[in-house]
Amino acid sequence: MFKRMITTSDCLSPESTKSLQIGKKVSLSPLKAQVGGHVYMKLLNDNHVCKPLNDREVKFYQNTPKNLLQHVPKFLGTVQIQQQQQHNGESSSRDSVPVTEYMVLENLTKSYNKPCVLDLKMGTRMYGDFASEAKRKSQKKKSKKTTSGKLGIRFCGSQRFSYTHGNFETLDKYVGRDADESELKALLRKFFTCGGALRTDVLDDVLEDIPEIRQTLLDLHQYRFYSSSLLIIYEGKPCSEGIRFEEDKADNSMDCEQFDVARGSGEAGSGYKKLKQERPKVTVKIIDFANVSLPESEEGGPSHEGPDAGFIMGLDNLNTILQTLVEEQHFYL
């Protein structure tokens, strides 16, 4: 049995831009809302999550351009956490237990009751400037075979609250690796469908955020966000204040079907119902900066000119797909 706890000597790094009060002993639990990525994050408390420390990512957060701050998670510093192993109820010696360093970030799902979460890998290149030749070769092959190469977007995982079943339906990154352009569109439609209705209110908010993020990236010359993702979150809890679904749930087709059934279904069907709601709660952030390239070229590293064209292309194609979903929904109403 493993239990992670913060030791008495733990503190945030001096480079941290904000102070964070952490108790002497805090257990970490898995972040259930994580849907993508190969690095597992931990829930520190309701407001913060811990992510294994990556020097390049820490450097990015410590030097995030001011105009980009609103589009990335808040960074609160780093912390050392000791993993304590217990055998037959007895803890091992603290001196023999390794210490792991983590970055402390805001918990983006903290104010959501039923967070619907989508991870989209952005850009056409998935490896950093210092990747090995083997890594470059494998990532180039993956990009060419998936929607990353052509669209600059790849579905990388999701969880969506099913109004019909009363639980979360999850899809992993391997679904996105096999999806072509039409299937990517079907995946996005499925994610933004809740209670049998396409959440056009949520889509409208996302479509407002995309141009803002795009303009910010256009102004960031020499930055490259290789293998970064766009994280989209919306509230999936039914019957909350201002959100009331139609009484009839029998024809809730998009909630009931599996993705294999939806593959190739390019048109909105009769399962869509009108939805009455106030302005929804939606979060759109850029995440994962382990492979980011900064303007100040590191020793031996290349210098890039202009903005990140691959990421921007992905935003443009995502904008087009989501606009099409909204227009098709309006056509069928």
C-alpha atoms as a PDB file:
ATOM      1  CA  MET A   1       0.000   0.000   0.000  1.00  0.00           C
ATOM      2  CA  PHE A   2       1.391   3.366  -0.994  1.00  0.00           C
ATOM      3  CA  LYS A   3       0.477   6.670   0.557  1.00  0.00           C
ATOM      4  CA  ARG A   4       1.892   9.963  -0.631  1.00  0.00           C
ATOM      5  CA  MET A   5       2.269  12.710   1.920  1.00  0.00           C
ATOM      6  CA  ILE A   6       3.945  16.084   2.003  1.00  0.00           C
ATOM      7  CA  THR A   7       6.846  16.202   4.445  1.00  0.00           C
ATOM      8  CA  THR A   8       7.471  18.872   7.066  1.00  0.00           C
ATOM      9  CA  SER A   9      10.284  20.382   4.974  1.00  0.00           C
ATOM     10  CA  ASP A  10       8.136  20.843   1.871  1.00  0.00           C
ATOM     11  CA  CYS A  11       7.687  24.313   0.446  1.00  0.00           C
ATOM     12  CA  LEU A  12       6.981  26.021  -2.826  1.00  0.00           C
ATOM     13  CA  SER A  13       9.955  26.923  -4.953  1.00  0.00           C
ATOM     14  CA  PRO A  14      11.319  30.476  -4.635  1.00  0.00           C
ATOM     15  CA  GLU A  15      10.444  31.051  -8.293  1.00  0.00           C
ATOM     16  CA  SER A  16       6.750  30.554  -7.588  1.00  0.00           C
ATOM     17  CA  THR A  17       4.642  33.605  -8.400  1.00  0.00           C
ATOM     18  CA  LYS A  18       2.031  32.759  -5.764  1.00  0.00           C
ATOM     19  CA  SER A  19       2.131  31.397  -2.221  1.00  0.00           C
ATOM     20  CA  LEU A  20       0.287  28.201  -1.340  1.00  0.00           C
ATOM     21  CA  GLN A  21      -0.341  26.994   2.189  1.00  0.00           C
ATOM     22  CA  ILE A  22       0.030  23.207   2.351  1.00  0.00           C
ATOM     23  CA  GLY A  23      -0.377  21.095   5.453  1.00  0.00           C
ATOM     24  CA  LYS A  24       2.418  18.894   6.777  1.00  0.00           C
ATOM     25  CA  LYS A  25       0.655  15.669   5.791  1.00  0.00           C
ATOM     26  CA  VAL A  26      -1.592  15.619   2.745  1.00  0.00           C
ATOM     27  CA  SER A  27      -2.654  12.468   0.930  1.00  0.00           C
ATOM     28  CA  LEU A  28      -2.777  12.607  -2.866  1.00  0.00           C
ATOM     29  CA  SER A  29      -5.555  10.914  -4.792  1.00  0.00           C
ATOM     30  CA  PRO A  30      -5.931  10.233  -8.540  1.00  0.00           C
ATOM     31  CA  LEU A  31      -7.397  13.022 -10.669  1.00  0.00           C
ATOM     32  CA  LYS A  32     -10.454  11.222 -12.011  1.00  0.00           C
ATOM     33  CA  ALA A  33     -11.234  13.956 -14.546  1.00  0.00           C
ATOM     34  CA  GLN A  34      -7.933  13.438 -16.406  1.00  0.00           C
ATOM     35  CA  VAL A  35      -8.772  12.074 -19.866  1.00  0.00           C
ATOM     36  CA  GLY A  36      -5.521  12.451 -21.824  1.00  0.00           C
ATOM     37  CA  GLY A  37      -1.764  12.500 -21.441  1.00  0.00           C
ATOM     38  CA  HIS A  38       0.730   9.838 -20.384  1.00  0.00           C
ATOM     39  CA  VAL A  39       1.747  11.587 -17.159  1.00  0.00           C
ATOM     40  CA  TYR A  40      -0.671  10.891 -14.317  1.00  0.00           C
ATOM     41  CA  MET A  41      -1.789  13.854 -12.242  1.00  0.00           C
ATOM     42  CA  LYS A  42      -2.870  13.778  -8.610  1.00  0.00           C
ATOM     43  CA  LEU A  43      -5.491  15.700  -6.706  1.00  0.00           C
ATOM     44  CA  LEU A  44      -3.890  17.655  -3.854  1.00  0.00           C
ATOM     45  CA  ASN A  45      -7.124  19.226  -2.606  1.00  0.00           C
ATOM     46  CA  ASP A  46     -10.271  20.691  -4.119  1.00  0.00           C
ATOM     47  CA  ASN A  47      -8.413  23.647  -5.610  1.00  0.00           C
ATOM     48  CA  HIS A  48      -5.070  22.220  -6.727  1.00  0.00           C
ATOM     49  CA  VAL A  49      -3.556  19.289  -8.604  1.00  0.00           C
ATOM     50  CA  CYS A  50      -0.022  17.911  -8.648  1.00  0.00           C
ATOM     51  CA  LYS A  51       1.768  17.002 -11.862  1.00  0.00           C
ATOM     52  CA  PRO A  52       5.197  15.293 -11.963  1.00  0.00           C
ATOM     53  CA  LEU A  53       7.793  18.013 -12.413  1.00  0.00           C
ATOM     54  CA  ASN A  54       9.247  18.642 -15.857  1.00  0.00           C
ATOM     55  CA  ASP A  55      11.979  21.273 -16.010  1.00  0.00           C
ATOM     56  CA  ARG A  56      10.933  22.634 -19.392  1.00  0.00           C
ATOM     57  CA  GLU A  57       7.300  22.916 -18.322  1.00  0.00           C
ATOM     58  CA  VAL A  58       8.254  24.668 -15.080  1.00  0.00           C
ATOM     59  CA  LYS A  59      10.378  27.133 -17.062  1.00  0.00           C
ATOM     60  CA  PHE A  60       7.420  27.847 -19.325  1.00  0.00           C
ATOM     61  CA  TYR A  61       5.074  28.503 -16.398  1.00  0.00           C
ATOM     62  CA  GLN A  62       7.633  30.733 -14.695  1.00  0.00           C
ATOM     63  CA  ASN A  63       7.970  32.806 -17.879  1.00  0.00           C
ATOM     64  CA  THR A  64       4.446  32.672 -19.314  1.00  0.00           C
ATOM     65  CA  PRO A  65       3.727  35.782 -21.426  1.00  0.00           C
ATOM     66  CA  LYS A  66       1.127  38.034 -19.773  1.00  0.00           C
ATOM     67  CA  ASN A  67      -1.266  37.849 -22.696  1.00  0.00           C
ATOM     68  CA  LEU A  68      -1.256  34.033 -22.475  1.00  0.00           C
ATOM     69  CA  LEU A  69      -1.904  33.756 -18.728  1.00  0.00           C
ATOM     70  CA  GLN A  70      -5.688  33.700 -19.111  1.00  0.00           C
ATOM     71  CA  HIS A  71      -5.456  30.765 -21.528  1.00  0.00           C
ATOM     72  CA  VAL A  72      -3.348  28.393 -19.382  1.00  0.00           C
ATOM     73  CA  PRO A  73      -3.840  26.852 -15.909  1.00  0.00           C
ATOM     74  CA  LYS A  74      -2.598  28.882 -12.947  1.00  0.00           C
ATOM     75  CA  PHE A  75       0.821  27.760 -11.732  1.00  0.00           C
ATOM     76  CA  LEU A  76       1.489  27.910  -7.978  1.00  0.00           C
ATOM     77  CA  GLY A  77       5.019  26.552  -7.784  1.00  0.00           C
ATOM     78  CA  THR A  78       6.651  23.212  -7.022  1.00  0.00           C
ATOM     79  CA  VAL A  79       6.525  20.904  -4.042  1.00  0.00           C
ATOM     80  CA  GLN A  80       8.420  17.837  -2.865  1.00  0.00           C
ATOM     81  CA  ILE A  81       6.317  14.869  -1.827  1.00  0.00           C
ATOM     82  CA  GLN A  82       7.551  11.774  -0.081  1.00  0.00           C
ATOM     83  CA  GLN A  83       6.039   8.454  -1.050  1.00  0.00           C
ATOM     84  CA  GLN A  84       5.742   6.361   2.086  1.00  0.00           C
ATOM     85  CA  GLN A  85       5.424   2.600   1.802  1.00  0.00           C
ATOM     86  CA  GLN A  86       3.695   0.546   4.462  1.00  0.00           C
ATOM     87  CA  HIS A  87       4.184  -3.157   5.156  1.00  0.00           C
ATOM     88  CA  ASN A  88       1.755  -4.899   7.497  1.00  0.00           C
ATOM     89  CA  GLY A  89       0.594  -1.577   8.819  1.00  0.00           C
ATOM     90  CA  GLU A  90       4.107  -0.327   9.603  1.00  0.00           C
ATOM     91  CA  SER A  91       5.689   2.577   7.732  1.00  0.00           C
ATOM     92  CA  SER A  92       9.165   2.182   6.300  1.00  0.00           C
ATOM     93  CA  SER A  93      11.973   4.477   7.329  1.00  0.00           C
ATOM     94  CA  ARG A  94      11.549   7.973   5.925  1.00  0.00           C
ATOM     95  CA  ASP A  95      15.233   8.087   4.920  1.00  0.00           C
ATOM     96  CA  SER A  96      14.742   5.113   2.572  1.00  0.00           C
ATOM     97  CA  VAL A  97      11.697   6.563   0.837  1.00  0.00           C
ATOM     98  CA  PRO A  98      12.249   8.521  -2.414  1.00  0.00           C
ATOM     99  CA  VAL A  99      10.997  12.070  -2.760  1.00  0.00           C
ATOM    100  CA  THR A 100       9.117  13.128  -5.884  1.00  0.00           C
ATOM    101  CA  GLU A 101       8.898  16.706  -7.121  1.00  0.00           C
ATOM    102  CA  TYR A 102       5.616  17.997  -8.457  1.00  0.00           C
ATOM    103  CA  MET A 103       4.285  21.136 -10.056  1.00  0.00           C
ATOM    104  CA  VAL A 104       1.204  22.540  -8.342  1.00  0.00           C
ATOM    105  CA  LEU A 105      -1.509  23.758 -10.737  1.00  0.00           C
ATOM    106  CA  GLU A 106      -5.065  24.923 -10.321  1.00  0.00           C
ATOM    107  CA  ASN A 107      -7.752  22.268 -10.496  1.00  0.00           C
ATOM    108  CA  LEU A 108      -9.704  23.298 -13.608  1.00  0.00           C
ATOM    109  CA  THR A 109     -12.666  21.067 -12.701  1.00  0.00           C
ATOM    110  CA  LYS A 110     -13.031  22.313  -9.120  1.00  0.00           C
ATOM    111  CA  SER A 111     -16.284  24.245  -9.660  1.00  0.00           C
ATOM    112  CA  TYR A 112     -17.968  21.608 -11.809  1.00  0.00           C
ATOM    113  CA  ASN A 113     -20.447  19.055 -10.500  1.00  0.00           C
ATOM    114  CA  LYS A 114     -20.374  16.723 -13.524  1.00  0.00           C
ATOM    115  CA  PRO A 115     -17.401  17.931 -15.588  1.00  0.00           C
ATOM    116  CA  CYS A 116     -17.525  16.922 -19.245  1.00  0.00           C
ATOM    117  CA  VAL A 117     -13.860  17.025 -20.307  1.00  0.00           C
ATOM    118  CA  LEU A 118     -12.307  16.904 -23.782  1.00  0.00           C
ATOM    119  CA  ASP A 119      -8.571  16.724 -24.557  1.00  0.00           C
ATOM    120  CA  LEU A 120      -7.572  17.699 -28.096  1.00  0.00           C
ATOM    121  CA  LYS A 121      -3.931  17.317 -29.131  1.00  0.00           C
ATOM    122  CA  MET A 122      -3.098  20.412 -31.174  1.00  0.00           C
ATOM    123  CA  GLY A 123      -0.617  21.030 -33.972  1.00  0.00           C
ATOM    124  CA  THR A 124       1.024  18.894 -36.622  1.00  0.00           C
ATOM    125  CA  ARG A 125       4.269  18.141 -34.768  1.00  0.00           C
ATOM    126  CA  MET A 126       4.305  16.131 -31.541  1.00  0.00           C
ATOM    127  CA  TYR A 127       8.016  16.050 -30.588  1.00  0.00           C
ATOM    128  CA  GLY A 128      10.225  18.687 -28.999  1.00  0.00           C
ATOM    129  CA  ASP A 129      13.439  20.204 -30.269  1.00  0.00           C
ATOM    130  CA  PHE A 130      15.597  17.809 -28.254  1.00  0.00           C
ATOM    131  CA  ALA A 131      13.742  14.566 -29.015  1.00  0.00           C
ATOM    132  CA  SER A 132      15.747  11.515 -30.039  1.00  0.00           C
ATOM    133  CA  GLU A 133      15.770  10.378 -33.646  1.00  0.00           C
ATOM    134  CA  ALA A 134      13.642   7.358 -32.726  1.00  0.00           C
ATOM    135  CA  LYS A 135      11.072   9.633 -31.034  1.00  0.00           C
ATOM    136  CA  ARG A 136      10.992  11.955 -34.029  1.00  0.00           C
ATOM    137  CA  LYS A 137      10.449   9.063 -36.410  1.00  0.00           C
ATOM    138  CA  SER A 138       7.614   7.506 -34.392  1.00  0.00           C
ATOM    139  CA  GLN A 139       5.849  10.836 -33.829  1.00  0.00           C
ATOM    140  CA  LYS A 140       6.092  11.816 -37.497  1.00  0.00           C
ATOM    141  CA  LYS A 141       4.537   8.474 -38.425  1.00  0.00           C
ATOM    142  CA  LYS A 142       1.736   8.947 -35.877  1.00  0.00           C
ATOM    143  CA  SER A 143       1.013  12.467 -37.104  1.00  0.00           C
ATOM    144  CA  LYS A 144       0.879  11.342 -40.731  1.00  0.00           C
ATOM    145  CA  LYS A 145      -1.539   8.504 -39.961  1.00  0.00           C
ATOM    146  CA  THR A 146      -3.931  10.599 -37.853  1.00  0.00           C
ATOM    147  CA  THR A 147      -5.890  13.826 -38.165  1.00  0.00           C
ATOM    148  CA  SER A 148      -2.910  15.656 -36.615  1.00  0.00           C
ATOM    149  CA  GLY A 149      -1.072  15.718 -39.943  1.00  0.00           C
ATOM    150  CA  LYS A 150      -3.937  17.059 -42.034  1.00  0.00           C
ATOM    151  CA  LEU A 151      -5.997  19.094 -39.545  1.00  0.00           C
ATOM    152  CA  GLY A 152      -3.634  19.947 -36.700  1.00  0.00           C
ATOM    153  CA  ILE A 153      -6.119  18.332 -34.258  1.00  0.00           C
ATOM    154  CA  ARG A 154      -6.368  14.871 -32.757  1.00  0.00           C
ATOM    155  CA  PHE A 155      -8.933  13.550 -30.304  1.00  0.00           C
ATOM    156  CA  CYS A 156      -6.953  12.533 -27.208  1.00  0.00           C
ATOM    157  CA  GLY A 157      -9.670  11.440 -24.767  1.00  0.00           C
ATOM    158  CA  SER A 158     -12.944  12.558 -23.202  1.00  0.00           C
ATOM    159  CA  GLN A 159     -15.423  11.997 -20.440  1.00  0.00           C
ATOM    160  CA  ARG A 160     -19.048  13.015 -20.968  1.00  0.00           C
ATOM    161  CA  PHE A 161     -21.909  12.801 -18.512  1.00  0.00           C
ATOM    162  CA  SER A 162     -24.741  10.646 -19.858  1.00  0.00           C
ATOM    163  CA  TYR A 163     -28.100  12.123 -18.937  1.00  0.00           C
ATOM    164  CA  THR A 164     -29.776   8.795 -19.760  1.00  0.00           C
ATOM    165  CA  HIS A 165     -27.487   6.504 -17.789  1.00  0.00           C
ATOM    166  CA  GLY A 166     -26.557   8.913 -15.006  1.00  0.00           C
ATOM    167  CA  ASN A 167     -22.832   8.219 -15.308  1.00  0.00           C
ATOM    168  CA  PHE A 168     -19.738   9.235 -17.248  1.00  0.00           C
ATOM    169  CA  GLU A 169     -18.949   7.747 -20.632  1.00  0.00           C
ATOM    170  CA  THR A 170     -15.243   7.821 -21.435  1.00  0.00           C
ATOM    171  CA  LEU A 171     -13.237   7.449 -24.622  1.00  0.00           C
ATOM    172  CA  ASP A 172      -9.448   7.110 -24.675  1.00  0.00           C
ATOM    173  CA  LYS A 173      -6.709   8.405 -26.971  1.00  0.00           C
ATOM    174  CA  TYR A 174      -6.692   5.248 -29.075  1.00  0.00           C
ATOM    175  CA  VAL A 175     -10.148   6.119 -30.428  1.00  0.00           C
ATOM    176  CA  GLY A 176      -8.688   9.362 -31.743  1.00  0.00           C
ATOM    177  CA  ARG A 177      -5.713   7.643 -33.350  1.00  0.00           C
ATOM    178  CA  ASP A 178      -8.071   5.582 -35.517  1.00  0.00           C
ATOM    179  CA  ALA A 179     -10.495   8.406 -36.342  1.00  0.00           C
ATOM    180  CA  ASP A 180     -10.539  10.042 -39.772  1.00  0.00           C
ATOM    181  CA  GLU A 181     -11.943  13.515 -40.449  1.00  0.00           C
ATOM    182  CA  SER A 182     -15.623  12.504 -40.478  1.00  0.00           C
ATOM    183  CA  GLU A 183     -15.156  10.369 -37.375  1.00  0.00           C
ATOM    184  CA  LEU A 184     -13.433  13.236 -35.573  1.00  0.00           C
ATOM    185  CA  LYS A 185     -16.483  15.356 -36.322  1.00  0.00           C
ATOM    186  CA  ALA A 186     -18.749  12.596 -34.955  1.00  0.00           C
ATOM    187  CA  LEU A 187     -16.615  12.393 -31.801  1.00  0.00           C
ATOM    188  CA  LEU A 188     -16.931  16.138 -31.263  1.00  0.00           C
ATOM    189  CA  ARG A 189     -20.682  16.029 -31.856  1.00  0.00           C
ATOM    190  CA  LYS A 190     -21.030  13.225 -29.321  1.00  0.00           C
ATOM    191  CA  PHE A 191     -18.989  15.083 -26.708  1.00  0.00           C
ATOM    192  CA  PHE A 192     -21.068  18.237 -27.039  1.00  0.00           C
ATOM    193  CA  THR A 193     -24.365  16.309 -26.848  1.00  0.00           C
ATOM    194  CA  CYS A 194     -25.997  16.142 -23.431  1.00  0.00           C
ATOM    195  CA  GLY A 195     -29.540  15.115 -22.567  1.00  0.00           C
ATOM    196  CA  GLY A 196     -30.249  14.264 -26.200  1.00  0.00           C
ATOM    197  CA  ALA A 197     -29.471  17.816 -27.342  1.00  0.00           C
ATOM    198  CA  LEU A 198     -26.454  19.324 -28.996  1.00  0.00           C
ATOM    199  CA  ARG A 199     -25.166  21.877 -26.491  1.00  0.00           C
ATOM    200  CA  THR A 200     -25.057  24.815 -28.884  1.00  0.00           C
ATOM    201  CA  ASP A 201     -24.849  27.124 -25.878  1.00  0.00           C
ATOM    202  CA  VAL A 202     -21.557  25.490 -24.899  1.00  0.00           C
ATOM    203  CA  LEU A 203     -20.361  25.520 -28.503  1.00  0.00           C
ATOM    204  CA  ASP A 204     -21.110  29.240 -28.749  1.00  0.00           C
ATOM    205  CA  ASP A 205     -18.836  29.878 -25.765  1.00  0.00           C
ATOM    206  CA  VAL A 206     -16.044  27.708 -27.182  1.00  0.00           C
ATOM    207  CA  LEU A 207     -16.372  29.483 -30.527  1.00  0.00           C
ATOM    208  CA  GLU A 208     -15.897  32.800 -28.707  1.00  0.00           C
ATOM    209  CA  ASP A 209     -12.722  31.572 -27.002  1.00  0.00           C
ATOM    210  CA  ILE A 210     -11.027  30.087 -30.076  1.00  0.00           C
ATOM    211  CA  PRO A 211     -10.451  33.433 -31.888  1.00  0.00           C
ATOM    212  CA  GLU A 212      -9.054  34.958 -28.676  1.00  0.00           C
ATOM    213  CA  ILE A 213      -6.579  32.102 -28.244  1.00  0.00           C
ATOM    214  CA  ARG A 214      -5.713  32.277 -31.941  1.00  0.00           C
ATOM    215  CA  GLN A 215      -4.910  35.989 -31.783  1.00  0.00           C
ATOM    216  CA  THR A 216      -2.802  35.478 -28.671  1.00  0.00           C
ATOM    217  CA  LEU A 217      -0.734  32.796 -30.412  1.00  0.00           C
ATOM    218  CA  LEU A 218      -0.346  34.983 -33.505  1.00  0.00           C
ATOM    219  CA  ASP A 219       1.304  37.574 -31.269  1.00  0.00           C
ATOM    220  CA  LEU A 220       3.702  35.031 -29.711  1.00  0.00           C
ATOM    221  CA  HIS A 221       6.626  34.795 -32.100  1.00  0.00           C
ATOM    222  CA  GLN A 222       9.223  32.025 -31.669  1.00  0.00           C
ATOM    223  CA  TYR A 223       7.031  29.977 -29.296  1.00  0.00           C
ATOM    224  CA  ARG A 224       6.190  26.412 -30.330  1.00  0.00           C
ATOM    225  CA  PHE A 225       3.624  24.378 -28.391  1.00  0.00           C
ATOM    226  CA  TYR A 226       4.640  20.935 -29.563  1.00  0.00           C
ATOM    227  CA  SER A 227       2.357  18.170 -28.233  1.00  0.00           C
ATOM    228  CA  SER A 228       0.284  20.626 -26.183  1.00  0.00           C
ATOM    229  CA  SER A 229      -3.462  20.139 -25.877  1.00  0.00           C
ATOM    230  CA  LEU A 230      -6.601  22.227 -25.831  1.00  0.00           C
ATOM    231  CA  LEU A 231      -8.727  21.245 -22.826  1.00  0.00           C
ATOM    232  CA  ILE A 232     -12.461  21.963 -22.983  1.00  0.00           C
ATOM    233  CA  ILE A 233     -14.728  21.535 -19.939  1.00  0.00           C
ATOM    234  CA  TYR A 234     -18.442  22.130 -19.514  1.00  0.00           C
ATOM    235  CA  GLU A 235     -21.033  21.282 -16.862  1.00  0.00           C
ATOM    236  CA  GLY A 236     -22.903  18.067 -17.610  1.00  0.00           C
ATOM    237  CA  LYS A 237     -25.122  17.927 -14.528  1.00  0.00           C
ATOM    238  CA  PRO A 238     -28.777  17.725 -15.638  1.00  0.00           C
ATOM    239  CA  CYS A 239     -31.585  19.782 -14.157  1.00  0.00           C
ATOM    240  CA  SER A 240     -29.325  22.344 -12.534  1.00  0.00           C
ATOM    241  CA  GLU A 241     -30.399  25.939 -12.193  1.00  0.00           C
ATOM    242  CA  GLY A 242     -31.137  27.413 -15.576  1.00  0.00           C
ATOM    243  CA  ILE A 243     -30.721  24.071 -17.362  1.00  0.00           C
ATOM    244  CA  ARG A 244     -33.831  21.989 -17.937  1.00  0.00           C
ATOM    245  CA  PHE A 245     -34.006  19.139 -20.403  1.00  0.00           C
ATOM    246  CA  GLU A 246     -37.191  18.016 -22.099  1.00  0.00           C
ATOM    247  CA  GLU A 247     -39.166  15.428 -20.118  1.00  0.00           C
ATOM    248  CA  ASP A 248     -39.090  12.792 -22.853  1.00  0.00           C
ATOM    249  CA  LYS A 249     -35.801  10.864 -22.672  1.00  0.00           C
ATOM    250  CA  ALA A 250     -36.841   7.843 -24.740  1.00  0.00           C
ATOM    251  CA  ASP A 251     -35.222   9.069 -27.944  1.00  0.00           C
ATOM    252  CA  ASN A 252     -31.949  10.143 -26.381  1.00  0.00           C
ATOM    253  CA  SER A 253     -29.969   8.556 -29.203  1.00  0.00           C
ATOM    254  CA  MET A 254     -26.647  10.328 -28.783  1.00  0.00           C
ATOM    255  CA  ASP A 255     -26.540   9.434 -25.089  1.00  0.00           C
ATOM    256  CA  CYS A 256     -27.354   5.780 -25.668  1.00  0.00           C
ATOM    257  CA  GLU A 257     -25.252   4.798 -28.645  1.00  0.00           C
ATOM    258  CA  GLN A 258     -21.634   3.715 -28.602  1.00  0.00           C
ATOM    259  CA  PHE A 259     -19.093   5.472 -30.811  1.00  0.00           C
ATOM    260  CA  ASP A 260     -18.861   2.492 -33.145  1.00  0.00           C
ATOM    261  CA  VAL A 261     -22.528   3.032 -33.981  1.00  0.00           C
ATOM    262  CA  ALA A 262     -21.979   6.743 -34.488  1.00  0.00           C
ATOM    263  CA  ARG A 263     -19.021   6.339 -36.838  1.00  0.00           C
ATOM    264  CA  GLY A 264     -19.920   7.757 -40.187  1.00  0.00           C
ATOM    265  CA  SER A 265     -23.178   9.285 -38.966  1.00  0.00           C
ATOM    266  CA  GLY A 266     -22.572  12.721 -40.355  1.00  0.00           C
ATOM    267  CA  GLU A 267     -26.000  14.232 -39.852  1.00  0.00           C
ATOM    268  CA  ALA A 268     -27.903  15.260 -36.768  1.00  0.00           C
ATOM    269  CA  GLY A 269     -30.785  12.918 -36.089  1.00  0.00           C
ATOM    270  CA  SER A 270     -34.199  13.021 -34.507  1.00  0.00           C
ATOM    271  CA  GLY A 271     -32.672  12.398 -31.083  1.00  0.00           C
ATOM    272  CA  TYR A 272     -31.886  16.104 -30.676  1.00  0.00           C
ATOM    273  CA  LYS A 273     -34.229  18.045 -28.420  1.00  0.00           C
ATOM    274  CA  LYS A 274     -34.527  21.716 -27.686  1.00  0.00           C
ATOM    275  CA  LEU A 275     -32.706  22.843 -24.597  1.00  0.00           C
ATOM    276  CA  LYS A 276     -33.519  25.793 -22.399  1.00  0.00           C
ATOM    277  CA  GLN A 277     -30.666  27.257 -20.417  1.00  0.00           C
ATOM    278  CA  GLU A 278     -28.845  30.317 -19.257  1.00  0.00           C
ATOM    279  CA  ARG A 279     -25.242  31.002 -20.135  1.00  0.00           C
ATOM    280  CA  PRO A 280     -23.314  27.786 -19.398  1.00  0.00           C
ATOM    281  CA  LYS A 281     -20.074  27.386 -17.480  1.00  0.00           C
ATOM    282  CA  VAL A 282     -17.309  26.549 -19.948  1.00  0.00           C
ATOM    283  CA  THR A 283     -13.517  26.391 -19.575  1.00  0.00           C
ATOM    284  CA  VAL A 284     -11.081  26.366 -22.507  1.00  0.00           C
ATOM    285  CA  LYS A 285      -7.347  26.170 -21.700  1.00  0.00           C
ATOM    286  CA  ILE A 286      -4.071  25.198 -23.353  1.00  0.00           C
ATOM    287  CA  ILE A 287      -2.304  22.516 -21.285  1.00  0.00           C
ATOM    288  CA  ASP A 288       0.839  20.335 -21.315  1.00  0.00           C
ATOM    289  CA  PHE A 289       4.090  22.203 -22.025  1.00  0.00           C
ATOM    290  CA  ALA A 290       6.761  19.522 -21.608  1.00  0.00           C
ATOM    291  CA  ASN A 291       7.837  19.945 -25.242  1.00  0.00           C
ATOM    292  CA  VAL A 292       7.365  23.690 -25.595  1.00  0.00           C
ATOM    293  CA  SER A 293      10.000  25.724 -27.421  1.00  0.00           C
ATOM    294  CA  LEU A 294      10.716  29.140 -25.886  1.00  0.00           C
ATOM    295  CA  PRO A 295      12.093  32.251 -27.629  1.00  0.00           C
ATOM    296  CA  GLU A 296      15.353  32.050 -25.692  1.00  0.00           C
ATOM    297  CA  SER A 297      16.996  29.170 -27.505  1.00  0.00           C
ATOM    298  CA  GLU A 298      18.707  26.738 -25.146  1.00  0.00           C
ATOM    299  CA  GLU A 299      22.284  25.693 -25.795  1.00  0.00           C
ATOM    300  CA  GLY A 300      22.352  23.805 -29.073  1.00  0.00           C
ATOM    301  CA  GLY A 301      18.622  24.315 -29.638  1.00  0.00           C
ATOM    302  CA  PRO A 302      17.055  25.814 -32.774  1.00  0.00           C
ATOM    303  CA  SER A 303      15.400  29.208 -32.944  1.00  0.00           C
ATOM    304  CA  HIS A 304      11.938  29.375 -34.524  1.00  0.00           C
ATOM    305  CA  GLU A 305      10.574  32.325 -36.453  1.00  0.00           C
ATOM    306  CA  GLY A 306       7.009  33.589 -36.380  1.00  0.00           C
ATOM    307  CA  PRO A 307       4.024  32.098 -34.480  1.00  0.00           C
ATOM    308  CA  ASP A 308       3.139  28.410 -34.103  1.00  0.00           C
ATOM    309  CA  ALA A 309       1.476  27.762 -37.473  1.00  0.00           C
ATOM    310  CA  GLY A 310       0.608  24.141 -36.667  1.00  0.00           C
ATOM    311  CA  PHE A 311      -1.339  24.997 -33.527  1.00  0.00           C
ATOM    312  CA  ILE A 312      -3.071  27.898 -35.270  1.00  0.00           C
ATOM    313  CA  MET A 313      -4.069  25.623 -38.157  1.00  0.00           C
ATOM    314  CA  GLY A 314      -5.588  23.247 -35.627  1.00  0.00           C
ATOM    315  CA  LEU A 315      -7.599  26.076 -34.069  1.00  0.00           C
ATOM    316  CA  ASP A 316      -8.865  27.132 -37.498  1.00  0.00           C
ATOM    317  CA  ASN A 317      -9.995  23.611 -38.372  1.00  0.00           C
ATOM    318  CA  LEU A 318     -11.589  23.112 -34.956  1.00  0.00           C
ATOM    319  CA  ASN A 319     -13.448  26.379 -35.400  1.00  0.00           C
ATOM    320  CA  THR A 320     -14.733  25.231 -38.814  1.00  0.00           C
ATOM    321  CA  ILE A 321     -15.913  21.849 -37.490  1.00  0.00           C
ATOM    322  CA  LEU A 322     -17.714  23.343 -34.488  1.00  0.00           C
ATOM    323  CA  GLN A 323     -19.327  26.038 -36.641  1.00  0.00           C
ATOM    324  CA  THR A 324     -20.589  23.301 -38.952  1.00  0.00           C
ATOM    325  CA  LEU A 325     -22.107  21.389 -36.013  1.00  0.00           C
ATOM    326  CA  VAL A 326     -23.992  24.496 -34.915  1.00  0.00           C
ATOM    327  CA  GLU A 327     -25.209  25.275 -38.432  1.00  0.00           C
ATOM    328  CA  GLU A 328     -26.396  21.693 -38.982  1.00  0.00           C
ATOM    329  CA  GLN A 329     -28.272  21.749 -35.684  1.00  0.00           C
ATOM    330  CA  HIS A 330     -30.035  24.982 -36.599  1.00  0.00           C
ATOM    331  CA  PHE A 331     -30.951  23.464 -39.965  1.00  0.00           C
ATOM    332  CA  TYR A 332     -32.697  20.499 -38.336  1.00  0.00           C
ATOM    333  CA  LEU A 333     -34.599  22.515 -35.736  1.00  0.00           C
END
